[in-house]
PDB file of all heavy atoms in Angstrom:
ATOM      1  N   ALA A   1       5.980 -27.139  10.816  1.00  0.00           N
ATOM      2  CA  ALA A   1       5.008 -28.106  11.013  1.00  0.00           C
ATOM      3  C   ALA A   1       5.197 -29.217   9.940  1.00  0.00           C
ATOM      4  O   ALA A   1       4.350 -30.212   9.931  1.00  0.00           O
ATOM      5  CB  ALA A   1       3.607 -27.544  10.844  1.00  0.00           C
ATOM      6  N   GLY A   2       6.121 -29.148   9.048  1.00  0.00           N
ATOM      7  CA  GLY A   2       6.375 -30.158   8.191  1.00  0.00           C
ATOM      8  C   GLY A   2       5.377 -30.042   6.903  1.00  0.00           C
ATOM      9  O   GLY A   2       5.256 -30.936   6.087  1.00  0.00           O
ATOM     10  N   GLN A   3       4.593 -28.917   6.786  1.00  0.00           N
ATOM     11  CA  GLN A   3       3.577 -28.731   5.738  1.00  0.00           C
ATOM     12  C   GLN A   3       4.314 -28.269   4.529  1.00  0.00           C
ATOM     13  O   GLN A   3       3.961 -27.121   4.003  1.00  0.00           O
ATOM     14  CB  GLN A   3       2.554 -27.807   6.284  1.00  0.00           C
ATOM     15  CG  GLN A   3       1.703 -28.334   7.467  1.00  0.00           C
ATOM     16  CD  GLN A   3       0.822 -27.314   8.077  1.00  0.00           C
ATOM     17  OE1 GLN A   3       0.896 -25.947   7.782  1.00  0.00           O
ATOM     18  NE2 GLN A   3       0.076 -27.734   9.003  1.00  0.00           N
ATOM     19  N   HIS A   4       5.238 -28.889   3.958  1.00  0.00           N
ATOM     20  CA  HIS A   4       6.083 -28.394   2.990  1.00  0.00           C
ATOM     21  C   HIS A   4       5.345 -28.356   1.601  1.00  0.00           C
ATOM     22  O   HIS A   4       5.519 -27.503   0.657  1.00  0.00           O
ATOM     23  CB  HIS A   4       7.447 -29.167   2.853  1.00  0.00           C
ATOM     24  CG  HIS A   4       8.140 -29.148   4.117  1.00  0.00           C
ATOM     25  ND1 HIS A   4       8.809 -30.339   4.670  1.00  0.00           N
ATOM     26  CD2 HIS A   4       8.372 -28.133   5.047  1.00  0.00           C
ATOM     27  CE1 HIS A   4       9.356 -29.999   5.792  1.00  0.00           C
ATOM     28  NE2 HIS A   4       9.028 -28.742   6.168  1.00  0.00           N
ATOM     29  N   GLN A   5       4.490 -29.522   1.362  1.00  0.00           N
ATOM     30  CA  GLN A   5       3.795 -29.593   0.140  1.00  0.00           C
ATOM     31  C   GLN A   5       2.748 -28.385   0.011  1.00  0.00           C
ATOM     32  O   GLN A   5       2.537 -27.785  -1.010  1.00  0.00           O
ATOM     33  CB  GLN A   5       3.111 -30.852  -0.061  1.00  0.00           C
ATOM     34  CG  GLN A   5       2.641 -31.219  -1.381  1.00  0.00           C
ATOM     35  CD  GLN A   5       3.679 -31.381  -2.493  1.00  0.00           C
ATOM     36  OE1 GLN A   5       4.601 -32.222  -2.326  1.00  0.00           O
ATOM     37  NE2 GLN A   5       3.678 -30.457  -3.504  1.00  0.00           N
ATOM     38  N   GLU A   6       2.001 -28.265   1.134  1.00  0.00           N
ATOM     39  CA  GLU A   6       1.003 -27.190   1.163  1.00  0.00           C
ATOM     40  C   GLU A   6       1.634 -25.779   1.018  1.00  0.00           C
ATOM     41  O   GLU A   6       1.137 -24.946   0.342  1.00  0.00           O
ATOM     42  CB  GLU A   6       0.267 -27.251   2.483  1.00  0.00           C
ATOM     43  CG  GLU A   6      -0.456 -28.553   2.770  1.00  0.00           C
ATOM     44  CD  GLU A   6       0.357 -29.682   3.507  1.00  0.00           C
ATOM     45  OE1 GLU A   6       1.560 -29.560   3.201  1.00  0.00           O
ATOM     46  OE2 GLU A   6      -0.302 -30.668   3.928  1.00  0.00           O
ATOM     47  N   GLY A   7       2.851 -25.613   1.874  1.00  0.00           N
ATOM     48  CA  GLY A   7       3.497 -24.435   1.729  1.00  0.00           C
ATOM     49  C   GLY A   7       3.919 -23.968   0.193  1.00  0.00           C
ATOM     50  O   GLY A   7       3.812 -22.898  -0.112  1.00  0.00           O
ATOM     51  N   LEU A   8       4.469 -24.983  -0.263  1.00  0.00           N
ATOM     52  CA  LEU A   8       4.987 -24.735  -1.717  1.00  0.00           C
ATOM     53  C   LEU A   8       3.925 -24.430  -2.649  1.00  0.00           C
ATOM     54  O   LEU A   8       3.808 -23.519  -3.474  1.00  0.00           O
ATOM     55  CB  LEU A   8       5.806 -25.958  -2.223  1.00  0.00           C
ATOM     56  CG  LEU A   8       6.299 -26.037  -3.606  1.00  0.00           C
ATOM     57  CD1 LEU A   8       7.267 -24.851  -3.749  1.00  0.00           C
ATOM     58  CD2 LEU A   8       6.965 -27.256  -4.013  1.00  0.00           C
ATOM     59  N   ALA A   9       2.780 -25.156  -2.529  1.00  0.00           N
ATOM     60  CA  ALA A   9       1.580 -24.862  -3.331  1.00  0.00           C
ATOM     61  C   ALA A   9       1.076 -23.466  -3.186  1.00  0.00           C
ATOM     62  O   ALA A   9       0.667 -22.721  -4.027  1.00  0.00           O
ATOM     63  CB  ALA A   9       0.418 -25.897  -3.125  1.00  0.00           C
ATOM     64  N   TRP A  10       0.993 -22.997  -1.843  1.00  0.00           N
ATOM     65  CA  TRP A  10       0.447 -21.664  -1.569  1.00  0.00           C
ATOM     66  C   TRP A  10       1.484 -20.563  -2.156  1.00  0.00           C
ATOM     67  O   TRP A  10       0.859 -19.654  -2.682  1.00  0.00           O
ATOM     68  CB  TRP A  10       0.463 -21.610   0.057  1.00  0.00           C
ATOM     69  CG  TRP A  10      -0.277 -20.385   0.557  1.00  0.00           C
ATOM     70  CD1 TRP A  10      -1.545 -20.250   0.834  1.00  0.00           C
ATOM     71  CD2 TRP A  10       0.342 -19.111   0.817  1.00  0.00           C
ATOM     72  NE1 TRP A  10      -1.902 -19.071   1.206  1.00  0.00           N
ATOM     73  CE2 TRP A  10      -0.732 -18.280   1.391  1.00  0.00           C
ATOM     74  CE3 TRP A  10       1.672 -18.620   0.810  1.00  0.00           C
ATOM     75  CZ2 TRP A  10      -0.420 -17.034   1.716  1.00  0.00           C
ATOM     76  CZ3 TRP A  10       1.923 -17.341   1.144  1.00  0.00           C
ATOM     77  CH2 TRP A  10       0.712 -16.489   1.671  1.00  0.00           C
ATOM     78  N   CYS A  11       2.752 -20.824  -1.967  1.00  0.00           N
ATOM     79  CA  CYS A  11       3.626 -19.890  -2.590  1.00  0.00           C
ATOM     80  C   CYS A  11       3.504 -19.809  -4.066  1.00  0.00           C
ATOM     81  O   CYS A  11       3.583 -18.727  -4.676  1.00  0.00           O
ATOM     82  CB  CYS A  11       5.116 -20.112  -2.211  1.00  0.00           C
ATOM     83  SG  CYS A  11       5.441 -20.025  -0.417  1.00  0.00           S
ATOM     84  N   LEU A  12       3.501 -20.914  -4.759  1.00  0.00           N
ATOM     85  CA  LEU A  12       3.488 -20.929  -6.119  1.00  0.00           C
ATOM     86  C   LEU A  12       2.194 -20.308  -6.669  1.00  0.00           C
ATOM     87  O   LEU A  12       2.217 -19.688  -7.635  1.00  0.00           O
ATOM     88  CB  LEU A  12       3.533 -22.357  -6.653  1.00  0.00           C
ATOM     89  CG  LEU A  12       4.917 -23.218  -6.558  1.00  0.00           C
ATOM     90  CD1 LEU A  12       4.719 -24.569  -6.921  1.00  0.00           C
ATOM     91  CD2 LEU A  12       5.885 -22.328  -7.353  1.00  0.00           C
ATOM     92  N   GLU A  13       1.045 -20.421  -6.051  1.00  0.00           N
ATOM     93  CA  GLU A  13      -0.141 -19.884  -6.455  1.00  0.00           C
ATOM     94  C   GLU A  13       0.069 -18.363  -6.437  1.00  0.00           C
ATOM     95  O   GLU A  13      -0.370 -17.544  -7.352  1.00  0.00           O
ATOM     96  CB  GLU A  13      -1.220 -20.188  -5.464  1.00  0.00           C
ATOM     97  CG  GLU A  13      -2.613 -19.610  -5.803  1.00  0.00           C
ATOM     98  CD  GLU A  13      -3.776 -19.981  -4.866  1.00  0.00           C
ATOM     99  OE1 GLU A  13      -3.512 -20.877  -4.040  1.00  0.00           O
ATOM    100  OE2 GLU A  13      -4.760 -19.449  -5.029  1.00  0.00           O
ATOM    101  N   ARG A  14       0.688 -17.731  -5.413  1.00  0.00           N
ATOM    102  CA  ARG A  14       0.878 -16.303  -5.366  1.00  0.00           C
ATOM    103  C   ARG A  14       2.050 -15.855  -6.236  1.00  0.00           C
ATOM    104  O   ARG A  14       1.936 -14.796  -6.807  1.00  0.00           O
ATOM    105  CB  ARG A  14       1.061 -15.848  -3.947  1.00  0.00           C
ATOM    106  CG  ARG A  14      -0.253 -15.789  -3.091  1.00  0.00           C
ATOM    107  CD  ARG A  14      -0.096 -16.276  -1.700  1.00  0.00           C
ATOM    108  NE  ARG A  14      -1.475 -16.246  -1.107  1.00  0.00           N
ATOM    109  CZ  ARG A  14      -2.264 -17.347  -1.261  1.00  0.00           C
ATOM    110  NH1 ARG A  14      -1.957 -18.381  -2.053  1.00  0.00           N
ATOM    111  NH2 ARG A  14      -3.555 -17.265  -0.659  1.00  0.00           N
ATOM    112  N   LEU A  15       2.908 -16.560  -6.442  1.00  0.00           N
ATOM    113  CA  LEU A  15       4.068 -16.238  -7.379  1.00  0.00           C
ATOM    114  C   LEU A  15       3.574 -16.257  -8.754  1.00  0.00           C
ATOM    115  O   LEU A  15       4.155 -15.514  -9.642  1.00  0.00           O
ATOM    116  CB  LEU A  15       5.218 -17.174  -7.185  1.00  0.00           C
ATOM    117  CG  LEU A  15       6.033 -16.905  -5.898  1.00  0.00           C
ATOM    118  CD1 LEU A  15       6.988 -18.095  -5.679  1.00  0.00           C
ATOM    119  CD2 LEU A  15       6.807 -15.598  -5.917  1.00  0.00           C
ATOM    120  N   GLY A  16       2.419 -17.167  -9.103  1.00  0.00           N
ATOM    121  CA  GLY A  16       1.946 -17.064 -10.386  1.00  0.00           C
ATOM    122  C   GLY A  16       1.253 -15.700 -10.819  1.00  0.00           C
ATOM    123  O   GLY A  16       1.113 -15.382 -11.933  1.00  0.00           O
ATOM    124  N   GLN A  17       0.914 -14.950  -9.861  1.00  0.00           N
ATOM    125  CA  GLN A  17       0.313 -13.661  -9.982  1.00  0.00           C
ATOM    126  C   GLN A  17       1.372 -12.581 -10.307  1.00  0.00           C
ATOM    127  O   GLN A  17       1.150 -11.691 -11.023  1.00  0.00           O
ATOM    128  CB  GLN A  17      -0.694 -13.345  -8.861  1.00  0.00           C
ATOM    129  CG  GLN A  17      -1.594 -14.404  -8.644  1.00  0.00           C
ATOM    130  CD  GLN A  17      -2.325 -14.144  -7.304  1.00  0.00           C
ATOM    131  OE1 GLN A  17      -2.129 -13.104  -6.546  1.00  0.00           O
ATOM    132  NE2 GLN A  17      -3.127 -15.112  -6.920  1.00  0.00           N
ATOM    133  N   SER A  18       2.527 -12.686  -9.506  1.00  0.00           N
ATOM    134  CA  SER A  18       3.573 -11.677  -9.711  1.00  0.00           C
ATOM    135  C   SER A  18       4.846 -12.442  -9.377  1.00  0.00           C
ATOM    136  O   SER A  18       5.395 -12.310  -8.322  1.00  0.00           O
ATOM    137  CB  SER A  18       3.294 -10.479  -8.766  1.00  0.00           C
ATOM    138  OG  SER A  18       3.170 -10.933  -7.440  1.00  0.00           O
ATOM    139  N   PRO A  19       5.510 -13.172 -10.240  1.00  0.00           N
ATOM    140  CA  PRO A  19       6.530 -14.020  -9.951  1.00  0.00           C
ATOM    141  C   PRO A  19       7.767 -13.511  -9.218  1.00  0.00           C
ATOM    142  O   PRO A  19       8.466 -14.085  -8.559  1.00  0.00           O
ATOM    143  CB  PRO A  19       6.904 -14.679 -11.382  1.00  0.00           C
ATOM    144  CG  PRO A  19       5.675 -14.477 -12.295  1.00  0.00           C
ATOM    145  CD  PRO A  19       5.012 -13.237 -11.641  1.00  0.00           C
ATOM    146  N   ALA A  20       8.122 -12.353  -9.615  1.00  0.00           N
ATOM    147  CA  ALA A  20       9.311 -11.775  -9.131  1.00  0.00           C
ATOM    148  C   ALA A  20       9.120 -10.653  -8.144  1.00  0.00           C
ATOM    149  O   ALA A  20      10.198  -9.932  -7.711  1.00  0.00           O
ATOM    150  CB  ALA A  20      10.210 -11.287 -10.266  1.00  0.00           C
ATOM    151  N   SER A  21       7.987 -10.453  -7.605  1.00  0.00           N
ATOM    152  CA  SER A  21       7.775  -9.255  -6.667  1.00  0.00           C
ATOM    153  C   SER A  21       8.021  -9.543  -5.264  1.00  0.00           C
ATOM    154  O   SER A  21       8.070  -8.587  -4.575  1.00  0.00           O
ATOM    155  CB  SER A  21       6.249  -8.852  -6.966  1.00  0.00           C
ATOM    156  OG  SER A  21       5.482  -9.939  -6.553  1.00  0.00           O
ATOM    157  N   ASP A  22       8.166 -10.809  -4.850  1.00  0.00           N
ATOM    158  CA  ASP A  22       8.210 -11.011  -3.456  1.00  0.00           C
ATOM    159  C   ASP A  22       9.363 -12.003  -3.107  1.00  0.00           C
ATOM    160  O   ASP A  22       9.242 -13.325  -3.327  1.00  0.00           O
ATOM    161  CB  ASP A  22       6.830 -11.641  -2.937  1.00  0.00           C
ATOM    162  CG  ASP A  22       6.790 -11.564  -1.439  1.00  0.00           C
ATOM    163  OD1 ASP A  22       7.856 -11.703  -0.719  1.00  0.00           O
ATOM    164  OD2 ASP A  22       5.622 -11.359  -0.901  1.00  0.00           O
ATOM    165  N   LEU A  23      10.441 -11.459  -2.670  1.00  0.00           N
ATOM    166  CA  LEU A  23      11.724 -12.268  -2.454  1.00  0.00           C
ATOM    167  C   LEU A  23      11.383 -13.283  -1.186  1.00  0.00           C
ATOM    168  O   LEU A  23      11.804 -14.359  -1.200  1.00  0.00           O
ATOM    169  CB  LEU A  23      12.859 -11.470  -2.097  1.00  0.00           C
ATOM    170  CG  LEU A  23      13.544 -10.730  -3.272  1.00  0.00           C
ATOM    171  CD1 LEU A  23      14.670  -9.892  -2.839  1.00  0.00           C
ATOM    172  CD2 LEU A  23      14.092 -11.773  -4.259  1.00  0.00           C
ATOM    173  N   LEU A  24      10.549 -12.883  -0.263  1.00  0.00           N
ATOM    174  CA  LEU A  24      10.191 -13.826   0.835  1.00  0.00           C
ATOM    175  C   LEU A  24       9.460 -14.979   0.382  1.00  0.00           C
ATOM    176  O   LEU A  24       9.750 -16.132   0.702  1.00  0.00           O
ATOM    177  CB  LEU A  24       9.366 -12.991   1.823  1.00  0.00           C
ATOM    178  CG  LEU A  24       9.171 -13.784   3.241  1.00  0.00           C
ATOM    179  CD1 LEU A  24      10.504 -14.054   3.879  1.00  0.00           C
ATOM    180  CD2 LEU A  24       8.188 -12.998   4.089  1.00  0.00           C
ATOM    181  N   LEU A  25       8.504 -14.672  -0.529  1.00  0.00           N
ATOM    182  CA  LEU A  25       7.744 -15.781  -1.206  1.00  0.00           C
ATOM    183  C   LEU A  25       8.669 -16.816  -1.933  1.00  0.00           C
ATOM    184  O   LEU A  25       8.619 -18.033  -1.739  1.00  0.00           O
ATOM    185  CB  LEU A  25       6.687 -15.343  -1.990  1.00  0.00           C
ATOM    186  CG  LEU A  25       5.339 -15.064  -1.442  1.00  0.00           C
ATOM    187  CD1 LEU A  25       4.381 -14.565  -2.530  1.00  0.00           C
ATOM    188  CD2 LEU A  25       4.599 -16.172  -0.730  1.00  0.00           C
ATOM    189  N   LEU A  26       9.615 -16.293  -2.695  1.00  0.00           N
ATOM    190  CA  LEU A  26      10.539 -17.039  -3.450  1.00  0.00           C
ATOM    191  C   LEU A  26      11.535 -17.848  -2.492  1.00  0.00           C
ATOM    192  O   LEU A  26      11.781 -18.999  -2.722  1.00  0.00           O
ATOM    193  CB  LEU A  26      11.436 -16.116  -4.331  1.00  0.00           C
ATOM    194  CG  LEU A  26      10.667 -15.618  -5.526  1.00  0.00           C
ATOM    195  CD1 LEU A  26      11.459 -14.593  -6.190  1.00  0.00           C
ATOM    196  CD2 LEU A  26      10.495 -16.789  -6.650  1.00  0.00           C
ATOM    197  N   ARG A  27      11.845 -17.232  -1.374  1.00  0.00           N
ATOM    198  CA  ARG A  27      12.866 -17.780  -0.452  1.00  0.00           C
ATOM    199  C   ARG A  27      12.164 -19.146   0.145  1.00  0.00           C
ATOM    200  O   ARG A  27      12.714 -20.107   0.169  1.00  0.00           O
ATOM    201  CB  ARG A  27      13.222 -16.880   0.529  1.00  0.00           C
ATOM    202  CG  ARG A  27      13.985 -17.480   1.649  1.00  0.00           C
ATOM    203  CD  ARG A  27      13.242 -17.586   2.981  1.00  0.00           C
ATOM    204  NE  ARG A  27      13.919 -18.485   3.896  1.00  0.00           N
ATOM    205  CZ  ARG A  27      13.704 -18.515   5.202  1.00  0.00           C
ATOM    206  NH1 ARG A  27      12.957 -17.522   5.747  1.00  0.00           N
ATOM    207  NH2 ARG A  27      14.243 -19.330   5.942  1.00  0.00           N
ATOM    208  N   TYR A  28      10.873 -18.850   0.612  1.00  0.00           N
ATOM    209  CA  TYR A  28      10.194 -20.024   1.276  1.00  0.00           C
ATOM    210  C   TYR A  28       9.803 -21.136   0.288  1.00  0.00           C
ATOM    211  O   TYR A  28       9.860 -22.284   0.606  1.00  0.00           O
ATOM    212  CB  TYR A  28       8.908 -19.497   2.035  1.00  0.00           C
ATOM    213  CG  TYR A  28       9.332 -19.123   3.562  1.00  0.00           C
ATOM    214  CD1 TYR A  28       9.506 -17.740   3.884  1.00  0.00           C
ATOM    215  CD2 TYR A  28       9.646 -20.104   4.494  1.00  0.00           C
ATOM    216  CE1 TYR A  28       9.787 -17.316   5.190  1.00  0.00           C
ATOM    217  CE2 TYR A  28       9.935 -19.778   5.687  1.00  0.00           C
ATOM    218  CZ  TYR A  28      10.048 -18.282   6.027  1.00  0.00           C
ATOM    219  OH  TYR A  28      10.356 -17.998   7.391  1.00  0.00           O
ATOM    220  N   ALA A  29       9.393 -20.630  -0.867  1.00  0.00           N
ATOM    221  CA  ALA A  29       9.043 -21.611  -1.934  1.00  0.00           C
ATOM    222  C   ALA A  29      10.290 -22.522  -2.232  1.00  0.00           C
ATOM    223  O   ALA A  29      10.227 -23.614  -2.327  1.00  0.00           O
ATOM    224  CB  ALA A  29       8.544 -20.839  -3.206  1.00  0.00           C
ATOM    225  N   LEU A  30      11.435 -21.821  -2.411  1.00  0.00           N
ATOM    226  CA  LEU A  30      12.623 -22.642  -2.661  1.00  0.00           C
ATOM    227  C   LEU A  30      13.039 -23.594  -1.548  1.00  0.00           C
ATOM    228  O   LEU A  30      13.392 -24.684  -1.736  1.00  0.00           O
ATOM    229  CB  LEU A  30      13.766 -21.705  -3.022  1.00  0.00           C
ATOM    230  CG  LEU A  30      15.137 -22.372  -3.242  1.00  0.00           C
ATOM    231  CD1 LEU A  30      15.074 -23.434  -4.417  1.00  0.00           C
ATOM    232  CD2 LEU A  30      16.245 -21.285  -3.624  1.00  0.00           C
ATOM    233  N   GLU A  31      12.799 -23.162  -0.293  1.00  0.00           N
ATOM    234  CA  GLU A  31      13.140 -23.983   0.859  1.00  0.00           C
ATOM    235  C   GLU A  31      12.113 -25.149   0.927  1.00  0.00           C
ATOM    236  O   GLU A  31      12.642 -26.240   1.281  1.00  0.00           O
ATOM    237  CB  GLU A  31      13.082 -23.101   2.201  1.00  0.00           C
ATOM    238  CG  GLU A  31      13.630 -24.002   3.421  1.00  0.00           C
ATOM    239  CD  GLU A  31      13.901 -23.145   4.545  1.00  0.00           C
ATOM    240  OE1 GLU A  31      13.319 -21.958   4.689  1.00  0.00           O
ATOM    241  OE2 GLU A  31      14.686 -23.471   5.456  1.00  0.00           O
ATOM    242  N   PHE A  32      10.913 -24.956   0.645  1.00  0.00           N
ATOM    243  CA  PHE A  32       9.918 -25.999   0.650  1.00  0.00           C
ATOM    244  C   PHE A  32      10.295 -26.990  -0.574  1.00  0.00           C
ATOM    245  O   PHE A  32      10.225 -28.260  -0.257  1.00  0.00           O
ATOM    246  CB  PHE A  32       8.482 -25.424   0.490  1.00  0.00           C
ATOM    247  CG  PHE A  32       7.947 -24.703   1.547  1.00  0.00           C
ATOM    248  CD1 PHE A  32       7.295 -23.542   1.363  1.00  0.00           C
ATOM    249  CD2 PHE A  32       8.102 -25.127   2.867  1.00  0.00           C
ATOM    250  CE1 PHE A  32       6.611 -22.814   2.365  1.00  0.00           C
ATOM    251  CE2 PHE A  32       7.528 -24.452   3.828  1.00  0.00           C
ATOM    252  CZ  PHE A  32       6.672 -23.317   3.612  1.00  0.00           C
ATOM    253  N   ALA A  33      10.711 -26.479  -1.674  1.00  0.00           N
ATOM    254  CA  ALA A  33      11.092 -27.360  -2.741  1.00  0.00           C
ATOM    255  C   ALA A  33      12.298 -28.254  -2.345  1.00  0.00           C
ATOM    256  O   ALA A  33      12.298 -29.375  -2.619  1.00  0.00           O
ATOM    257  CB  ALA A  33      11.302 -26.589  -4.002  1.00  0.00           C
ATOM    258  N   LEU A  34      13.276 -27.566  -1.621  1.00  0.00           N
ATOM    259  CA  LEU A  34      14.393 -28.361  -1.230  1.00  0.00           C
ATOM    260  C   LEU A  34      14.027 -29.477  -0.312  1.00  0.00           C
ATOM    261  O   LEU A  34      14.512 -30.566  -0.303  1.00  0.00           O
ATOM    262  CB  LEU A  34      15.266 -27.453  -0.380  1.00  0.00           C
ATOM    263  CG  LEU A  34      16.516 -26.851  -1.292  1.00  0.00           C
ATOM    264  CD1 LEU A  34      17.282 -25.740  -0.295  1.00  0.00           C
ATOM    265  CD2 LEU A  34      17.571 -28.016  -1.521  1.00  0.00           C
ATOM    266  N   GLU A  35      13.065 -29.097   0.646  1.00  0.00           N
ATOM    267  CA  GLU A  35      12.706 -30.097   1.671  1.00  0.00           C
ATOM    268  C   GLU A  35      11.967 -31.326   0.798  1.00  0.00           C
ATOM    269  O   GLU A  35      12.170 -32.488   1.299  1.00  0.00           O
ATOM    270  CB  GLU A  35      11.650 -29.592   2.630  1.00  0.00           C
ATOM    271  CG  GLU A  35      12.195 -28.494   3.556  1.00  0.00           C
ATOM    272  CD  GLU A  35      12.973 -29.153   4.663  1.00  0.00           C
ATOM    273  OE1 GLU A  35      13.191 -30.302   4.784  1.00  0.00           O
ATOM    274  OE2 GLU A  35      13.490 -28.348   5.587  1.00  0.00           O
ATOM    275  N   LEU A  36      11.207 -31.046  -0.162  1.00  0.00           N
ATOM    276  CA  LEU A  36      10.596 -32.135  -1.034  1.00  0.00           C
ATOM    277  C   LEU A  36      11.395 -32.681  -2.061  1.00  0.00           C
ATOM    278  O   LEU A  36      10.925 -33.622  -2.782  1.00  0.00           O
ATOM    279  CB  LEU A  36       9.383 -31.431  -1.501  1.00  0.00           C
ATOM    280  CG  LEU A  36       8.295 -30.947  -0.613  1.00  0.00           C
ATOM    281  CD1 LEU A  36       7.289 -29.982  -1.240  1.00  0.00           C
ATOM    282  CD2 LEU A  36       7.525 -32.149   0.097  1.00  0.00           C
ATOM    283  N   GLY A  37      12.592 -32.306  -2.223  1.00  0.00           N
ATOM    284  CA  GLY A  37      13.568 -32.699  -3.338  1.00  0.00           C
ATOM    285  C   GLY A  37      13.081 -32.319  -4.713  1.00  0.00           C
ATOM    286  O   GLY A  37      13.337 -32.971  -5.691  1.00  0.00           O
ATOM    287  N   GLN A  38      12.435 -31.173  -4.711  1.00  0.00           N
ATOM    288  CA  GLN A  38      11.737 -30.662  -6.066  1.00  0.00           C
ATOM    289  C   GLN A  38      12.525 -29.358  -6.473  1.00  0.00           C
ATOM    290  O   GLN A  38      11.988 -28.647  -7.172  1.00  0.00           O
ATOM    291  CB  GLN A  38      10.284 -30.396  -5.834  1.00  0.00           C
ATOM    292  CG  GLN A  38       9.556 -31.610  -5.531  1.00  0.00           C
ATOM    293  CD  GLN A  38       8.032 -31.345  -5.274  1.00  0.00           C
ATOM    294  OE1 GLN A  38       7.589 -30.240  -5.649  1.00  0.00           O
ATOM    295  NE2 GLN A  38       7.255 -32.312  -4.656  1.00  0.00           N
ATOM    296  N   GLU A  39      13.818 -29.143  -5.982  1.00  0.00           N
ATOM    297  CA  GLU A  39      14.482 -27.845  -6.263  1.00  0.00           C
ATOM    298  C   GLU A  39      14.740 -27.735  -7.600  1.00  0.00           C
ATOM    299  O   GLU A  39      14.816 -26.623  -8.131  1.00  0.00           O
ATOM    300  CB  GLU A  39      15.621 -27.736  -5.324  1.00  0.00           C
ATOM    301  CG  GLU A  39      16.769 -28.748  -5.579  1.00  0.00           C
ATOM    302  CD  GLU A  39      16.628 -30.059  -4.905  1.00  0.00           C
ATOM    303  OE1 GLU A  39      15.472 -30.196  -4.198  1.00  0.00           O
ATOM    304  OE2 GLU A  39      17.488 -30.886  -5.040  1.00  0.00           O
ATOM    305  N   GLY A  40      15.025 -28.867  -8.334  1.00  0.00           N
ATOM    306  CA  GLY A  40      15.402 -28.733  -9.759  1.00  0.00           C
ATOM    307  C   GLY A  40      14.286 -28.165 -10.558  1.00  0.00           C
ATOM    308  O   GLY A  40      14.376 -27.407 -11.371  1.00  0.00           O
ATOM    309  N   ALA A  41      13.067 -28.797 -10.445  1.00  0.00           N
ATOM    310  CA  ALA A  41      11.908 -28.321 -11.154  1.00  0.00           C
ATOM    311  C   ALA A  41      11.582 -26.877 -10.801  1.00  0.00           C
ATOM    312  O   ALA A  41      11.103 -26.130 -11.551  1.00  0.00           O
ATOM    313  CB  ALA A  41      10.651 -29.236 -10.769  1.00  0.00           C
TER     314      ALA A  41
END
């Protein structure tokens, strides 16, 4: 749907609770960041 900013924010909120526990969350968060040009950060 192109909701990359919302998707990244949602993933980061949950990763903040357990950063390394969910590879699926990390994968989508990274893909959203790539779409937004924020992969470096």
